[in-house]
């Protein structure tokens, strides 16, 4: 998981303590690989790895923006040159465009998300724009969805057979049983599609 520093100045230490050697210092906008979080003497430290490969620790109080892929869920979303409505519009994006969110800025009380698109264009999108975190397809998540959906479907079926012995309650519970079974089946289908999508993507390099 990668993150971008929000604080103006951050020291990187060799160990999770500000009494140890300071390896280097970082500034706002620097990008690092985030590692495990360590608690020592009531202080929280985050392990990081620099692009050079050097590892160190920064204080848990450090403000970090976690880099993530996001997807637009409305048409004509404008990316501005600066985090301001008055700044020039660099590009307008259609619905379902996937970009990388790399920061957050505030201007006159309004939030702006800093983004980088597939072409390398960096701009700012209004914070109230319809954006959500993009979930990469993965075989593990696909399996998880199929397992969860299967469990719901099996439980619904088991409960249905159980209510057959209680005729007076079967009618009242039938709608709920059908809803749970349908939800489970939907999860199985979504998981199967995601699993196949991830598997196909995984095999693409081998097909070239």
C-alpha atoms as a PDB file:
ATOM      1  CA  UNK A   1       0.000   0.000   0.000  1.00  0.00           C
ATOM      2  CA  UNK A   2       1.431   3.343  -1.032  1.00  0.00           C
ATOM      3  CA  UNK A   3       0.851   6.728   0.529  1.00  0.00           C
ATOM      4  CA  UNK A   4       1.720  10.383  -0.015  1.00  0.00           C
ATOM      5  CA  UNK A   5       2.860  12.611   2.844  1.00  0.00           C
ATOM      6  CA  UNK A   6       0.587  15.497   3.738  1.00  0.00           C
ATOM      7  CA  UNK A   7       2.808  17.057   6.431  1.00  0.00           C
ATOM      8  CA  UNK A   8       5.402  19.623   5.318  1.00  0.00           C
ATOM      9  CA  UNK A   9       8.331  17.907   7.047  1.00  0.00           C
ATOM     10  CA  UNK A  10       8.752  14.349   8.352  1.00  0.00           C
ATOM     11  CA  UNK A  11      11.810  12.622   9.828  1.00  0.00           C
ATOM     12  CA  UNK A  12      12.519   8.965   9.049  1.00  0.00           C
ATOM     13  CA  UNK A  13      14.153   6.984  11.856  1.00  0.00           C
ATOM     14  CA  UNK A  14      16.130   3.733  11.779  1.00  0.00           C
ATOM     15  CA  UNK A  15      14.022   2.285  14.625  1.00  0.00           C
ATOM     16  CA  UNK A  16      10.542   3.078  16.012  1.00  0.00           C
ATOM     17  CA  UNK A  17      11.898   5.762  18.333  1.00  0.00           C
ATOM     18  CA  UNK A  18      12.837   9.413  17.905  1.00  0.00           C
ATOM     19  CA  UNK A  19      15.875   8.722  20.086  1.00  0.00           C
ATOM     20  CA  UNK A  20      17.514   6.647  17.330  1.00  0.00           C
ATOM     21  CA  UNK A  21      19.376   7.684  14.198  1.00  0.00           C
ATOM     22  CA  UNK A  22      17.469   9.894  11.770  1.00  0.00           C
ATOM     23  CA  UNK A  23      18.024   8.359   8.339  1.00  0.00           C
ATOM     24  CA  UNK A  24      16.551  11.118   6.231  1.00  0.00           C
ATOM     25  CA  UNK A  25      13.693  13.591   6.052  1.00  0.00           C
ATOM     26  CA  UNK A  26      10.697  13.722   3.754  1.00  0.00           C
ATOM     27  CA  UNK A  27       8.507  16.573   2.595  1.00  0.00           C
ATOM     28  CA  UNK A  28       4.901  17.064   1.561  1.00  0.00           C
ATOM     29  CA  UNK A  29       4.098  15.159  -1.615  1.00  0.00           C
ATOM     30  CA  UNK A  30       6.767  12.465  -1.205  1.00  0.00           C
ATOM     31  CA  UNK A  31       5.488   8.970  -1.946  1.00  0.00           C
ATOM     32  CA  UNK A  32       6.374   5.923   0.176  1.00  0.00           C
ATOM     33  CA  UNK A  33       5.412   2.272   0.579  1.00  0.00           C
ATOM     34  CA  UNK A  34       3.531   1.786   3.854  1.00  0.00           C
ATOM     35  CA  UNK A  35       4.296  -1.238   6.038  1.00  0.00           C
ATOM     36  CA  UNK A  36       3.222  -2.558   9.409  1.00  0.00           C
ATOM     37  CA  UNK A  37       2.173  -0.341  12.310  1.00  0.00           C
ATOM     38  CA  UNK A  38       4.145  -0.721  15.556  1.00  0.00           C
ATOM     39  CA  UNK A  39       3.214   0.451  19.057  1.00  0.00           C
ATOM     40  CA  UNK A  40       6.145   1.112  21.400  1.00  0.00           C
ATOM     41  CA  UNK A  41       5.941   2.821  24.774  1.00  0.00           C
ATOM     42  CA  UNK A  42       2.448   4.171  23.994  1.00  0.00           C
ATOM     43  CA  UNK A  43       3.739   5.668  20.732  1.00  0.00           C
ATOM     44  CA  UNK A  44       2.608   4.526  17.288  1.00  0.00           C
ATOM     45  CA  UNK A  45       5.114   4.133  14.448  1.00  0.00           C
ATOM     46  CA  UNK A  46       4.600   3.250  10.795  1.00  0.00           C
ATOM     47  CA  UNK A  47       7.215   1.288   8.887  1.00  0.00           C
ATOM     48  CA  UNK A  48       7.901   2.692   5.429  1.00  0.00           C
ATOM     49  CA  UNK A  49      10.068   1.834   2.441  1.00  0.00           C
ATOM     50  CA  UNK A  50      11.492   4.553   0.236  1.00  0.00           C
ATOM     51  CA  UNK A  51      11.804   4.253  -3.539  1.00  0.00           C
ATOM     52  CA  UNK A  52      15.521   3.663  -3.015  1.00  0.00           C
ATOM     53  CA  UNK A  53      14.664   0.497  -1.095  1.00  0.00           C
ATOM     54  CA  UNK A  54      15.723   1.940   2.262  1.00  0.00           C
ATOM     55  CA  UNK A  55      13.379   1.104   5.150  1.00  0.00           C
ATOM     56  CA  UNK A  56      12.636   3.204   8.213  1.00  0.00           C
ATOM     57  CA  UNK A  57       9.949   4.424  10.605  1.00  0.00           C
ATOM     58  CA  UNK A  58       7.842   7.567  10.811  1.00  0.00           C
ATOM     59  CA  UNK A  59       5.609   8.736  13.632  1.00  0.00           C
ATOM     60  CA  UNK A  60       2.041   7.451  13.635  1.00  0.00           C
ATOM     61  CA  UNK A  61       0.903  11.066  13.979  1.00  0.00           C
ATOM     62  CA  UNK A  62       2.174  11.802  10.470  1.00  0.00           C
ATOM     63  CA  UNK A  63      -0.591  12.793   8.077  1.00  0.00           C
ATOM     64  CA  UNK A  64      -0.622  10.413   5.112  1.00  0.00           C
ATOM     65  CA  UNK A  65      -2.969  10.157   2.145  1.00  0.00           C
ATOM     66  CA  UNK A  66      -3.298   6.523   1.067  1.00  0.00           C
ATOM     67  CA  UNK A  67      -3.082   6.259  -2.729  1.00  0.00           C
ATOM     68  CA  UNK A  68      -6.006   4.380  -4.230  1.00  0.00           C
ATOM     69  CA  UNK A  69      -7.751   3.802  -7.531  1.00  0.00           C
ATOM     70  CA  UNK A  70     -11.164   5.449  -7.802  1.00  0.00           C
ATOM     71  CA  UNK A  71     -13.925   5.368 -10.378  1.00  0.00           C
ATOM     72  CA  UNK A  72     -16.217   8.211 -11.499  1.00  0.00           C
ATOM     73  CA  UNK A  73     -19.940   7.513 -11.334  1.00  0.00           C
ATOM     74  CA  UNK A  74     -21.290  10.459 -13.288  1.00  0.00           C
ATOM     75  CA  UNK A  75     -20.548  12.009 -16.676  1.00  0.00           C
ATOM     76  CA  UNK A  76     -18.586  15.181 -17.428  1.00  0.00           C
ATOM     77  CA  UNK A  77     -16.422  15.295 -14.314  1.00  0.00           C
ATOM     78  CA  UNK A  78     -13.912  18.127 -14.750  1.00  0.00           C
ATOM     79  CA  UNK A  79     -10.294  17.994 -13.639  1.00  0.00           C
ATOM     80  CA  UNK A  80      -8.964  21.483 -12.875  1.00  0.00           C
ATOM     81  CA  UNK A  81      -5.366  22.662 -13.024  1.00  0.00           C
ATOM     82  CA  UNK A  82      -5.534  23.859  -9.409  1.00  0.00           C
ATOM     83  CA  UNK A  83      -7.888  23.093  -6.486  1.00  0.00           C
ATOM     84  CA  UNK A  84     -10.094  26.037  -7.434  1.00  0.00           C
ATOM     85  CA  UNK A  85     -13.243  26.485  -9.491  1.00  0.00           C
ATOM     86  CA  UNK A  86     -11.610  29.461 -11.244  1.00  0.00           C
ATOM     87  CA  UNK A  87      -8.618  27.471 -12.491  1.00  0.00           C
ATOM     88  CA  UNK A  88      -8.424  26.051 -16.018  1.00  0.00           C
ATOM     89  CA  UNK A  89     -10.143  22.741 -16.836  1.00  0.00           C
ATOM     90  CA  UNK A  90      -7.522  20.268 -18.024  1.00  0.00           C
ATOM     91  CA  UNK A  91      -9.851  17.450 -19.032  1.00  0.00           C
ATOM     92  CA  UNK A  92     -13.449  16.261 -18.760  1.00  0.00           C
ATOM     93  CA  UNK A  93     -14.013  12.596 -17.912  1.00  0.00           C
ATOM     94  CA  UNK A  94     -16.926  10.303 -18.784  1.00  0.00           C
ATOM     95  CA  UNK A  95     -18.688   7.972 -16.386  1.00  0.00           C
ATOM     96  CA  UNK A  96     -16.778   4.853 -15.218  1.00  0.00           C
ATOM     97  CA  UNK A  97     -13.350   6.414 -15.837  1.00  0.00           C
ATOM     98  CA  UNK A  98     -10.752   4.948 -13.468  1.00  0.00           C
ATOM     99  CA  UNK A  99      -8.037   7.251 -12.092  1.00  0.00           C
ATOM    100  CA  UNK A 100      -5.588   7.284  -9.203  1.00  0.00           C
ATOM    101  CA  UNK A 101      -6.423   9.489  -6.187  1.00  0.00           C
ATOM    102  CA  UNK A 102      -3.149  10.839  -4.781  1.00  0.00           C
ATOM    103  CA  UNK A 103      -4.135  13.658  -2.453  1.00  0.00           C
ATOM    104  CA  UNK A 104      -6.728  15.988  -0.994  1.00  0.00           C
ATOM    105  CA  UNK A 105      -6.687  19.781  -0.861  1.00  0.00           C
ATOM    106  CA  UNK A 106      -9.050  22.371   0.580  1.00  0.00           C
ATOM    107  CA  UNK A 107      -9.851  25.779  -0.922  1.00  0.00           C
ATOM    108  CA  UNK A 108     -12.239  28.202   0.788  1.00  0.00           C
ATOM    109  CA  UNK A 109     -13.854  25.351   2.695  1.00  0.00           C
ATOM    110  CA  UNK A 110     -14.337  23.179  -0.388  1.00  0.00           C
ATOM    111  CA  UNK A 111     -12.548  19.867  -0.824  1.00  0.00           C
ATOM    112  CA  UNK A 112     -10.681  18.787  -3.949  1.00  0.00           C
ATOM    113  CA  UNK A 113      -9.318  15.330  -4.760  1.00  0.00           C
ATOM    114  CA  UNK A 114      -5.965  15.313  -6.548  1.00  0.00           C
ATOM    115  CA  UNK A 115      -5.962  12.702  -9.316  1.00  0.00           C
ATOM    116  CA  UNK A 116      -3.636  11.237 -11.945  1.00  0.00           C
ATOM    117  CA  UNK A 117      -5.233   9.602 -14.977  1.00  0.00           C
ATOM    118  CA  UNK A 118      -3.969   6.824 -17.257  1.00  0.00           C
ATOM    119  CA  UNK A 119      -2.261   9.393 -19.509  1.00  0.00           C
ATOM    120  CA  UNK A 120      -0.333  10.896 -16.608  1.00  0.00           C
ATOM    121  CA  UNK A 121      -2.424  14.082 -16.435  1.00  0.00           C
ATOM    122  CA  UNK A 122      -2.567  15.484 -12.900  1.00  0.00           C
ATOM    123  CA  UNK A 123      -5.539  17.574 -11.868  1.00  0.00           C
ATOM    124  CA  UNK A 124      -8.080  18.331  -9.162  1.00  0.00           C
ATOM    125  CA  UNK A 125     -11.672  17.081  -9.012  1.00  0.00           C
ATOM    126  CA  UNK A 126     -14.363  18.493  -6.747  1.00  0.00           C
ATOM    127  CA  UNK A 127     -14.717  16.533  -3.536  1.00  0.00           C
ATOM    128  CA  UNK A 128     -18.494  16.260  -3.944  1.00  0.00           C
ATOM    129  CA  UNK A 129     -18.151  14.541  -7.334  1.00  0.00           C
ATOM    130  CA  UNK A 130     -19.575  11.035  -7.494  1.00  0.00           C
ATOM    131  CA  UNK A 131     -16.449   8.985  -6.831  1.00  0.00           C
ATOM    132  CA  UNK A 132     -15.942   5.650  -5.147  1.00  0.00           C
ATOM    133  CA  UNK A 133     -12.966   3.416  -4.484  1.00  0.00           C
ATOM    134  CA  UNK A 134     -12.369   1.030  -7.385  1.00  0.00           C
ATOM    135  CA  UNK A 135     -12.192  -2.599  -6.326  1.00  0.00           C
ATOM    136  CA  UNK A 136      -9.685  -4.542  -8.395  1.00  0.00           C
ATOM    137  CA  UNK A 137     -10.925  -7.980  -9.425  1.00  0.00           C
ATOM    138  CA  UNK A 138      -9.110 -10.708  -7.491  1.00  0.00           C
ATOM    139  CA  UNK A 139      -9.384 -14.489  -7.362  1.00  0.00           C
ATOM    140  CA  UNK A 140      -9.340 -14.401  -3.562  1.00  0.00           C
ATOM    141  CA  UNK A 141     -12.248 -11.960  -3.366  1.00  0.00           C
ATOM    142  CA  UNK A 142     -14.135 -13.927  -6.001  1.00  0.00           C
ATOM    143  CA  UNK A 143     -13.766 -17.123  -3.959  1.00  0.00           C
ATOM    144  CA  UNK A 144     -14.850 -15.274  -0.831  1.00  0.00           C
ATOM    145  CA  UNK A 145     -18.011 -13.987  -2.501  1.00  0.00           C
ATOM    146  CA  UNK A 146     -18.857 -17.443  -3.874  1.00  0.00           C
ATOM    147  CA  UNK A 147     -18.354 -19.027  -0.442  1.00  0.00           C
ATOM    148  CA  UNK A 148     -20.431 -16.370   1.340  1.00  0.00           C
ATOM    149  CA  UNK A 149     -23.191 -16.552  -1.256  1.00  0.00           C
ATOM    150  CA  UNK A 150     -23.209 -20.337  -1.097  1.00  0.00           C
ATOM    151  CA  UNK A 151     -23.589 -20.219   2.686  1.00  0.00           C
ATOM    152  CA  UNK A 152     -26.577 -17.861   2.424  1.00  0.00           C
ATOM    153  CA  UNK A 153     -28.211 -20.080  -0.220  1.00  0.00           C
ATOM    154  CA  UNK A 154     -27.668 -23.253   1.828  1.00  0.00           C
ATOM    155  CA  UNK A 155     -29.007 -21.631   5.000  1.00  0.00           C
ATOM    156  CA  UNK A 156     -32.065 -20.370   3.135  1.00  0.00           C
ATOM    157  CA  UNK A 157     -32.733 -23.841   1.719  1.00  0.00           C
ATOM    158  CA  UNK A 158     -32.251 -25.472   5.138  1.00  0.00           C
ATOM    159  CA  UNK A 159     -34.589 -22.977   6.764  1.00  0.00           C
ATOM    160  CA  UNK A 160     -37.180 -23.614   4.052  1.00  0.00           C
ATOM    161  CA  UNK A 161     -37.217 -27.348   4.768  1.00  0.00           C
ATOM    162  CA  UNK A 162     -37.381 -26.621   8.481  1.00  0.00           C
ATOM    163  CA  UNK A 163     -40.469 -24.433   8.047  1.00  0.00           C
ATOM    164  CA  UNK A 164     -42.214 -27.211   6.096  1.00  0.00           C
ATOM    165  CA  UNK A 165     -42.809 -28.848   9.472  1.00  0.00           C
ATOM    166  CA  UNK A 166     -44.365 -25.624  10.774  1.00  0.00           C
ATOM    167  CA  UNK A 167     -47.090 -24.837   8.268  1.00  0.00           C
ATOM    168  CA  UNK A 168     -48.417 -21.873  10.190  1.00  0.00           C
ATOM    169  CA  UNK A 169     -45.054 -20.065   9.946  1.00  0.00           C
ATOM    170  CA  UNK A 170     -44.038 -21.141   6.429  1.00  0.00           C
ATOM    171  CA  UNK A 171     -46.215 -18.582   4.699  1.00  0.00           C
ATOM    172  CA  UNK A 172     -44.950 -15.727   6.837  1.00  0.00           C
ATOM    173  CA  UNK A 173     -41.311 -16.676   6.315  1.00  0.00           C
ATOM    174  CA  UNK A 174     -41.415 -17.567   2.608  1.00  0.00           C
ATOM    175  CA  UNK A 175     -40.653 -14.021   1.388  1.00  0.00           C
ATOM    176  CA  UNK A 176     -37.650 -13.739   3.688  1.00  0.00           C
ATOM    177  CA  UNK A 177     -36.370 -17.167   2.660  1.00  0.00           C
ATOM    178  CA  UNK A 178     -36.641 -16.307  -1.046  1.00  0.00           C
ATOM    179  CA  UNK A 179     -34.887 -12.959  -0.454  1.00  0.00           C
ATOM    180  CA  UNK A 180     -31.988 -14.607   1.410  1.00  0.00           C
ATOM    181  CA  UNK A 181     -31.668 -17.332  -1.232  1.00  0.00           C
ATOM    182  CA  UNK A 182     -31.699 -14.736  -4.044  1.00  0.00           C
ATOM    183  CA  UNK A 183     -29.051 -12.674  -2.259  1.00  0.00           C
ATOM    184  CA  UNK A 184     -26.849 -15.745  -1.837  1.00  0.00           C
ATOM    185  CA  UNK A 185     -27.273 -16.726  -5.480  1.00  0.00           C
ATOM    186  CA  UNK A 186     -26.388 -13.188  -6.584  1.00  0.00           C
ATOM    187  CA  UNK A 187     -23.219 -13.287  -4.476  1.00  0.00           C
ATOM    188  CA  UNK A 188     -22.224 -16.634  -6.035  1.00  0.00           C
ATOM    189  CA  UNK A 189     -22.686 -15.244  -9.561  1.00  0.00           C
ATOM    190  CA  UNK A 190     -20.777 -12.026  -8.795  1.00  0.00           C
ATOM    191  CA  UNK A 191     -17.975 -14.003  -7.184  1.00  0.00           C
ATOM    192  CA  UNK A 192     -17.767 -16.362 -10.144  1.00  0.00           C
ATOM    193  CA  UNK A 193     -17.587 -13.442 -12.603  1.00  0.00           C
ATOM    194  CA  UNK A 194     -14.913 -11.685 -10.548  1.00  0.00           C
ATOM    195  CA  UNK A 195     -12.879 -14.882 -10.197  1.00  0.00           C
ATOM    196  CA  UNK A 196     -12.930 -15.467 -13.961  1.00  0.00           C
ATOM    197  CA  UNK A 197     -12.107 -11.824 -14.670  1.00  0.00           C
ATOM    198  CA  UNK A 198      -9.089 -11.945 -12.344  1.00  0.00           C
ATOM    199  CA  UNK A 199      -7.989 -15.290 -13.777  1.00  0.00           C
ATOM    200  CA  UNK A 200      -8.225 -13.956 -17.334  1.00  0.00           C
ATOM    201  CA  UNK A 201      -6.220 -10.861 -16.409  1.00  0.00           C
ATOM    202  CA  UNK A 202      -3.621 -13.039 -14.682  1.00  0.00           C
ATOM    203  CA  UNK A 203      -3.167 -15.138 -17.838  1.00  0.00           C
ATOM    204  CA  UNK A 204      -2.962 -12.186 -20.261  1.00  0.00           C
ATOM    205  CA  UNK A 205       0.870 -11.786 -20.068  1.00  0.00           C
ATOM    206  CA  UNK A 206       1.274 -15.469 -20.937  1.00  0.00           C
ATOM    207  CA  UNK A 207      -0.853 -15.083 -24.050  1.00  0.00           C
ATOM    208  CA  UNK A 208       1.352 -12.411 -25.603  1.00  0.00           C
END
